[in-house]
């Protein structure tokens, strides 16, 4: 007797095609991030620390999204899908909050450093 498929089971050929497509997208995104990494450090006011953090966070977020997509491809029950999505959304919201705070602090520091470097220790802007 054949094993009954659950409603969320993905056929093998569709799963393989999806995995191949995900790998192509991952390769394209990695190429883009490498290009971005080479291009950004030369941008004015970017600062190495800020650009490195942006790239690190982008790479981490992409990796998390791919990991989530791979887990989704394995889901066989609605409860598993709901749990997986809830965990992913919660972790991404926490990551976004932390990343936003860190990037904001780093950008503010970079601007303050640029201003103090441009205007000397006097601090203020003059007309």
N, C-alpha and C. Protein backbone atom coordinates (compact mmCIF):
# COMPACT_ATOMS: atom_id res chain seq x y z
N UNK A 1 0.84 -1.17 0.00
CA UNK A 1 0.00 0.00 0.00
C UNK A 1 0.89 1.24 0.00
N UNK A 2 0.56 2.20 -0.83
CA UNK A 2 1.34 3.43 -0.95
C UNK A 2 1.09 4.33 0.25
N UNK A 3 2.13 5.01 0.65
CA UNK A 3 2.03 5.96 1.76
C UNK A 3 1.27 7.20 1.30
N UNK A 4 0.27 7.60 2.06
CA UNK A 4 -0.53 8.78 1.71
C UNK A 4 0.29 10.04 1.95
N UNK A 5 0.22 10.94 0.99
CA UNK A 5 0.96 12.19 1.11
C UNK A 5 0.15 13.16 1.97
N UNK A 6 0.86 13.88 2.83
CA UNK A 6 0.20 14.91 3.62
C UNK A 6 -0.04 16.11 2.71
N UNK A 7 -0.99 16.97 3.04
CA UNK A 7 -1.33 18.08 2.16
C UNK A 7 -0.21 19.07 1.91
N UNK A 8 0.82 19.13 2.77
CA UNK A 8 1.91 20.09 2.62
C UNK A 8 3.16 19.48 2.03
N UNK A 9 3.14 18.21 1.70
CA UNK A 9 4.34 17.58 1.16
C UNK A 9 4.58 18.05 -0.27
N UNK A 10 5.80 18.45 -0.53
CA UNK A 10 6.17 18.96 -1.85
C UNK A 10 6.74 17.80 -2.66
N UNK A 11 6.25 17.62 -3.90
CA UNK A 11 6.78 16.54 -4.73
C UNK A 11 8.30 16.70 -4.94
N UNK A 12 8.98 15.58 -5.07
CA UNK A 12 10.44 15.57 -5.17
C UNK A 12 10.95 16.45 -6.30
N UNK A 13 10.34 16.37 -7.49
CA UNK A 13 10.82 17.17 -8.61
C UNK A 13 10.64 18.67 -8.37
N UNK A 14 9.55 19.04 -7.73
CA UNK A 14 9.32 20.45 -7.41
C UNK A 14 10.32 20.90 -6.35
N UNK A 15 10.60 20.04 -5.38
CA UNK A 15 11.56 20.37 -4.33
C UNK A 15 12.95 20.58 -4.95
N UNK A 16 13.36 19.70 -5.87
CA UNK A 16 14.67 19.84 -6.52
C UNK A 16 14.75 21.13 -7.33
N UNK A 17 13.68 21.42 -8.06
CA UNK A 17 13.65 22.64 -8.86
C UNK A 17 13.72 23.87 -7.96
N UNK A 18 13.01 23.83 -6.84
CA UNK A 18 13.04 24.93 -5.89
C UNK A 18 14.42 25.10 -5.30
N UNK A 19 15.07 24.01 -4.93
CA UNK A 19 16.42 24.07 -4.36
C UNK A 19 17.40 24.64 -5.37
N UNK A 20 17.27 24.25 -6.65
CA UNK A 20 18.15 24.79 -7.69
C UNK A 20 17.93 26.28 -7.87
N UNK A 21 16.67 26.68 -7.86
CA UNK A 21 16.36 28.11 -8.00
C UNK A 21 16.89 28.90 -6.82
N UNK A 22 16.74 28.35 -5.62
CA UNK A 22 17.25 29.03 -4.43
C UNK A 22 18.75 29.16 -4.49
N UNK A 23 19.44 28.15 -4.99
CA UNK A 23 20.89 28.21 -5.10
C UNK A 23 21.31 29.27 -6.11
N UNK A 24 20.57 29.40 -7.21
CA UNK A 24 20.86 30.44 -8.20
C UNK A 24 20.65 31.83 -7.60
N UNK A 25 19.58 31.98 -6.84
CA UNK A 25 19.32 33.27 -6.20
C UNK A 25 20.39 33.57 -5.17
N UNK A 26 20.79 32.55 -4.39
CA UNK A 26 21.84 32.73 -3.37
C UNK A 26 23.14 33.17 -4.05
N UNK A 27 23.49 32.56 -5.16
CA UNK A 27 24.71 32.92 -5.90
C UNK A 27 24.63 34.36 -6.39
N UNK A 28 23.48 34.73 -6.93
CA UNK A 28 23.30 36.10 -7.43
C UNK A 28 23.40 37.12 -6.29
N UNK A 29 22.78 36.82 -5.17
CA UNK A 29 22.82 37.74 -4.03
C UNK A 29 24.24 37.84 -3.48
N UNK A 30 24.93 36.72 -3.38
CA UNK A 30 26.31 36.75 -2.91
C UNK A 30 27.19 37.57 -3.84
N UNK A 31 26.99 37.44 -5.14
CA UNK A 31 27.74 38.24 -6.11
C UNK A 31 27.45 39.73 -5.92
N UNK A 32 26.18 40.05 -5.72
CA UNK A 32 25.79 41.44 -5.48
C UNK A 32 26.43 41.97 -4.20
N UNK A 33 26.40 41.18 -3.14
CA UNK A 33 27.00 41.62 -1.88
C UNK A 33 28.50 41.81 -2.01
N UNK A 34 29.16 40.95 -2.77
CA UNK A 34 30.60 41.12 -3.00
C UNK A 34 30.87 42.41 -3.79
N UNK A 35 30.04 42.65 -4.80
CA UNK A 35 30.17 43.89 -5.57
C UNK A 35 29.96 45.10 -4.65
N UNK A 36 28.91 45.03 -3.86
CA UNK A 36 28.59 46.11 -2.94
C UNK A 36 29.73 46.33 -1.95
N UNK A 37 30.30 45.26 -1.46
CA UNK A 37 31.40 45.33 -0.50
C UNK A 37 32.62 46.04 -1.11
N UNK A 38 32.88 45.77 -2.38
CA UNK A 38 34.00 46.42 -3.05
C UNK A 38 33.70 47.89 -3.35
N UNK A 39 32.44 48.23 -3.61
CA UNK A 39 32.07 49.58 -4.03
C UNK A 39 31.86 50.53 -2.85
N UNK A 40 31.27 50.06 -1.78
CA UNK A 40 30.87 50.93 -0.67
C UNK A 40 32.02 51.58 0.07
N UNK A 41 33.11 50.88 0.39
CA UNK A 41 34.14 51.53 1.21
C UNK A 41 34.66 52.84 0.65
N UNK A 42 34.56 53.06 -0.67
CA UNK A 42 35.03 54.30 -1.25
C UNK A 42 34.02 55.42 -1.21
N UNK A 43 32.79 55.12 -0.79
CA UNK A 43 31.75 56.14 -0.78
C UNK A 43 32.00 57.16 0.33
N UNK A 44 31.71 58.45 0.06
CA UNK A 44 31.94 59.47 1.09
C UNK A 44 31.05 59.23 2.31
N UNK A 45 31.58 59.51 3.48
CA UNK A 45 30.89 59.36 4.77
C UNK A 45 30.50 57.93 5.09
N UNK A 46 30.88 56.96 4.28
CA UNK A 46 30.47 55.59 4.60
C UNK A 46 31.22 55.08 5.81
N UNK A 47 32.50 55.33 5.85
CA UNK A 47 33.31 54.84 6.96
C UNK A 47 33.39 53.33 6.91
N UNK A 48 34.54 52.79 7.16
CA UNK A 48 34.69 51.35 7.10
C UNK A 48 33.81 50.63 8.10
N UNK A 49 33.70 51.15 9.31
CA UNK A 49 32.90 50.48 10.34
C UNK A 49 31.44 50.39 9.93
N UNK A 50 30.88 51.48 9.44
CA UNK A 50 29.48 51.50 9.04
C UNK A 50 29.23 50.58 7.86
N UNK A 51 30.05 50.69 6.82
CA UNK A 51 29.84 49.85 5.64
C UNK A 51 30.03 48.38 5.97
N UNK A 52 31.00 48.07 6.82
CA UNK A 52 31.19 46.67 7.22
C UNK A 52 30.00 46.13 7.99
N UNK A 53 29.42 46.96 8.85
CA UNK A 53 28.24 46.52 9.60
C UNK A 53 27.05 46.31 8.67
N UNK A 54 26.85 47.24 7.74
CA UNK A 54 25.74 47.11 6.79
C UNK A 54 25.88 45.80 6.01
N UNK A 55 27.07 45.54 5.51
CA UNK A 55 27.30 44.32 4.74
C UNK A 55 27.15 43.06 5.60
N UNK A 56 27.66 43.11 6.81
CA UNK A 56 27.54 41.96 7.70
C UNK A 56 26.08 41.66 8.00
N UNK A 57 25.31 42.70 8.29
CA UNK A 57 23.89 42.51 8.57
C UNK A 57 23.14 42.02 7.33
N UNK A 58 23.47 42.56 6.18
CA UNK A 58 22.82 42.13 4.94
C UNK A 58 23.10 40.65 4.69
N UNK A 59 24.35 40.26 4.84
CA UNK A 59 24.71 38.85 4.64
C UNK A 59 24.00 37.96 5.64
N UNK A 60 23.95 38.37 6.89
CA UNK A 60 23.27 37.58 7.92
C UNK A 60 21.77 37.47 7.63
N UNK A 61 21.15 38.57 7.22
CA UNK A 61 19.72 38.54 6.93
C UNK A 61 19.40 37.66 5.73
N UNK A 62 20.25 37.72 4.72
CA UNK A 62 20.05 36.85 3.55
C UNK A 62 20.21 35.39 3.95
N UNK A 63 21.22 35.08 4.74
CA UNK A 63 21.43 33.71 5.19
C UNK A 63 20.24 33.21 6.01
N UNK A 64 19.70 34.07 6.88
CA UNK A 64 18.53 33.69 7.67
C UNK A 64 17.31 33.43 6.79
N UNK A 65 17.14 34.27 5.77
CA UNK A 65 16.01 34.08 4.85
C UNK A 65 16.14 32.77 4.07
N UNK A 66 17.35 32.44 3.64
CA UNK A 66 17.54 31.19 2.92
C UNK A 66 17.34 29.99 3.84
N UNK A 67 17.81 30.09 5.05
CA UNK A 67 17.61 29.01 6.02
C UNK A 67 16.12 28.80 6.27
N UNK A 68 15.38 29.90 6.41
CA UNK A 68 13.93 29.83 6.59
C UNK A 68 13.26 29.18 5.38
N UNK A 69 13.66 29.58 4.18
CA UNK A 69 13.08 29.00 2.96
C UNK A 69 13.36 27.51 2.87
N UNK A 70 14.56 27.09 3.25
CA UNK A 70 14.88 25.66 3.23
C UNK A 70 14.02 24.89 4.23
N UNK A 71 13.81 25.48 5.39
CA UNK A 71 12.95 24.83 6.39
C UNK A 71 11.51 24.76 5.89
N UNK A 72 11.06 25.83 5.22
CA UNK A 72 9.69 25.83 4.68
C UNK A 72 9.49 24.69 3.68
N UNK A 73 10.51 24.41 2.91
CA UNK A 73 10.41 23.35 1.90
C UNK A 73 10.23 21.97 2.55
N UNK A 74 10.57 21.86 3.83
CA UNK A 74 10.47 20.58 4.53
C UNK A 74 9.17 20.44 5.34
N UNK A 75 8.37 21.50 5.42
CA UNK A 75 7.16 21.50 6.24
C UNK A 75 6.15 20.48 5.72
N UNK A 76 5.56 19.76 6.68
CA UNK A 76 4.57 18.74 6.31
C UNK A 76 3.24 18.94 7.02
N UNK A 77 3.20 19.80 8.03
CA UNK A 77 1.96 20.01 8.78
C UNK A 77 1.73 21.50 9.00
N UNK A 78 0.47 21.88 9.10
CA UNK A 78 0.11 23.27 9.28
C UNK A 78 0.70 23.82 10.57
N UNK A 79 0.65 23.04 11.65
CA UNK A 79 1.19 23.50 12.93
C UNK A 79 2.68 23.80 12.82
N UNK A 80 3.39 22.97 12.09
CA UNK A 80 4.82 23.17 11.89
C UNK A 80 5.07 24.46 11.11
N UNK A 81 4.25 24.70 10.10
CA UNK A 81 4.36 25.91 9.29
C UNK A 81 4.14 27.15 10.16
N UNK A 82 3.09 27.13 10.97
CA UNK A 82 2.77 28.27 11.83
C UNK A 82 3.90 28.52 12.83
N UNK A 83 4.39 27.45 13.45
CA UNK A 83 5.48 27.59 14.43
C UNK A 83 6.74 28.15 13.76
N UNK A 84 7.08 27.61 12.60
CA UNK A 84 8.27 28.05 11.89
C UNK A 84 8.18 29.52 11.50
N UNK A 85 7.04 29.91 10.97
CA UNK A 85 6.88 31.30 10.55
C UNK A 85 6.87 32.24 11.75
N UNK A 86 6.21 31.85 12.82
CA UNK A 86 6.18 32.69 14.02
C UNK A 86 7.59 32.90 14.57
N UNK A 87 8.37 31.82 14.65
CA UNK A 87 9.74 31.92 15.15
C UNK A 87 10.59 32.81 14.25
N UNK A 88 10.42 32.65 12.93
CA UNK A 88 11.20 33.45 11.98
C UNK A 88 10.86 34.93 12.11
N UNK A 89 9.58 35.25 12.18
CA UNK A 89 9.15 36.65 12.28
C UNK A 89 9.67 37.26 13.57
N UNK A 90 9.56 36.52 14.67
CA UNK A 90 10.04 37.04 15.95
C UNK A 90 11.55 37.29 15.92
N UNK A 91 12.29 36.35 15.38
CA UNK A 91 13.75 36.52 15.34
C UNK A 91 14.14 37.66 14.41
N UNK A 92 13.44 37.81 13.30
CA UNK A 92 13.75 38.90 12.37
C UNK A 92 13.40 40.26 12.96
N UNK A 93 12.29 40.34 13.68
CA UNK A 93 11.92 41.61 14.31
C UNK A 93 12.96 42.00 15.35
N UNK A 94 13.43 41.03 16.13
CA UNK A 94 14.46 41.30 17.12
C UNK A 94 15.76 41.74 16.42
N UNK A 95 16.12 41.03 15.36
CA UNK A 95 17.35 41.37 14.63
C UNK A 95 17.25 42.76 14.02
N UNK A 96 16.12 43.09 13.43
CA UNK A 96 15.94 44.41 12.81
C UNK A 96 16.05 45.51 13.86
N UNK A 97 15.46 45.28 15.01
CA UNK A 97 15.53 46.27 16.09
C UNK A 97 16.98 46.49 16.52
N UNK A 98 17.69 45.41 16.75
CA UNK A 98 19.09 45.50 17.18
C UNK A 98 19.98 46.13 16.09
N UNK A 99 19.76 45.70 14.85
CA UNK A 99 20.56 46.22 13.74
C UNK A 99 20.29 47.71 13.53
N UNK A 100 19.04 48.11 13.59
CA UNK A 100 18.70 49.53 13.41
C UNK A 100 19.36 50.39 14.47
N UNK A 101 19.30 49.95 15.71
CA UNK A 101 19.91 50.69 16.80
C UNK A 101 21.43 50.80 16.59
N UNK A 102 22.05 49.67 16.28
CA UNK A 102 23.50 49.65 16.08
C UNK A 102 23.92 50.52 14.90
N UNK A 103 23.22 50.39 13.78
CA UNK A 103 23.56 51.19 12.60
C UNK A 103 23.34 52.68 12.84
N UNK A 104 22.27 53.01 13.57
CA UNK A 104 22.01 54.41 13.88
C UNK A 104 23.12 54.99 14.73
N UNK A 105 23.55 54.24 15.75
CA UNK A 105 24.64 54.71 16.60
C UNK A 105 25.94 54.84 15.81
N UNK A 106 26.21 53.88 14.95
CA UNK A 106 27.43 53.91 14.15
C UNK A 106 27.41 55.07 13.16
N UNK A 107 26.27 55.30 12.52
CA UNK A 107 26.14 56.40 11.56
C UNK A 107 26.28 57.74 12.27
N UNK A 108 25.67 57.86 13.43
CA UNK A 108 25.77 59.11 14.19
C UNK A 108 27.22 59.38 14.57
N UNK A 109 27.91 58.34 15.01
CA UNK A 109 29.33 58.49 15.38
C UNK A 109 30.15 58.89 14.14
N UNK A 110 29.87 58.26 12.99
CA UNK A 110 30.62 58.59 11.77
C UNK A 110 30.39 60.04 11.36
N UNK A 111 29.15 60.52 11.47
CA UNK A 111 28.85 61.92 11.13
C UNK A 111 29.52 62.86 12.11
N UNK A 112 29.44 62.53 13.39
CA UNK A 112 30.08 63.38 14.41
C UNK A 112 31.59 63.43 14.20
N UNK A 113 32.19 62.28 13.88
CA UNK A 113 33.63 62.25 13.61
C UNK A 113 33.97 63.09 12.39
N UNK A 114 33.12 63.00 11.35
CA UNK A 114 33.37 63.77 10.14
C UNK A 114 33.23 65.26 10.40
N UNK A 115 32.22 65.63 11.19
CA UNK A 115 31.99 67.04 11.51
C UNK A 115 33.13 67.58 12.37
N UNK A 116 33.51 66.83 13.38
CA UNK A 116 34.59 67.32 14.25
C UNK A 116 35.92 67.35 13.50
N UNK A 117 36.10 66.46 12.54
CA UNK A 117 37.31 66.48 11.73
C UNK A 117 37.33 67.64 10.77
N UNK A 118 36.18 68.03 10.27
CA UNK A 118 36.06 69.11 9.31
C UNK A 118 36.11 70.48 9.97
N UNK A 119 35.47 70.57 11.14
CA UNK A 119 35.33 71.87 11.80
C UNK A 119 36.26 72.04 13.00
N UNK A 120 37.14 71.11 13.20
CA UNK A 120 38.06 71.23 14.32
C UNK A 120 37.36 70.95 15.63
N UNK A 121 37.99 71.30 16.73
CA UNK A 121 37.42 70.99 18.05
C UNK A 121 36.38 72.01 18.47
N UNK A 122 36.15 73.07 17.69
CA UNK A 122 35.16 74.08 18.03
C UNK A 122 33.76 73.53 17.99
N UNK A 123 33.49 72.54 17.18
CA UNK A 123 32.21 71.87 17.22
C UNK A 123 31.12 72.47 16.38
N UNK A 124 30.71 73.67 16.45
CA UNK A 124 29.51 74.15 15.79
C UNK A 124 29.70 74.45 14.33
N UNK A 125 28.56 74.67 13.67
CA UNK A 125 28.57 75.08 12.26
C UNK A 125 28.53 76.59 12.23
N UNK A 126 29.19 77.20 11.26
CA UNK A 126 29.10 78.65 11.13
C UNK A 126 28.62 79.00 9.73
N UNK A 127 27.93 80.13 9.62
CA UNK A 127 27.36 80.54 8.35
C UNK A 127 28.32 81.36 7.56
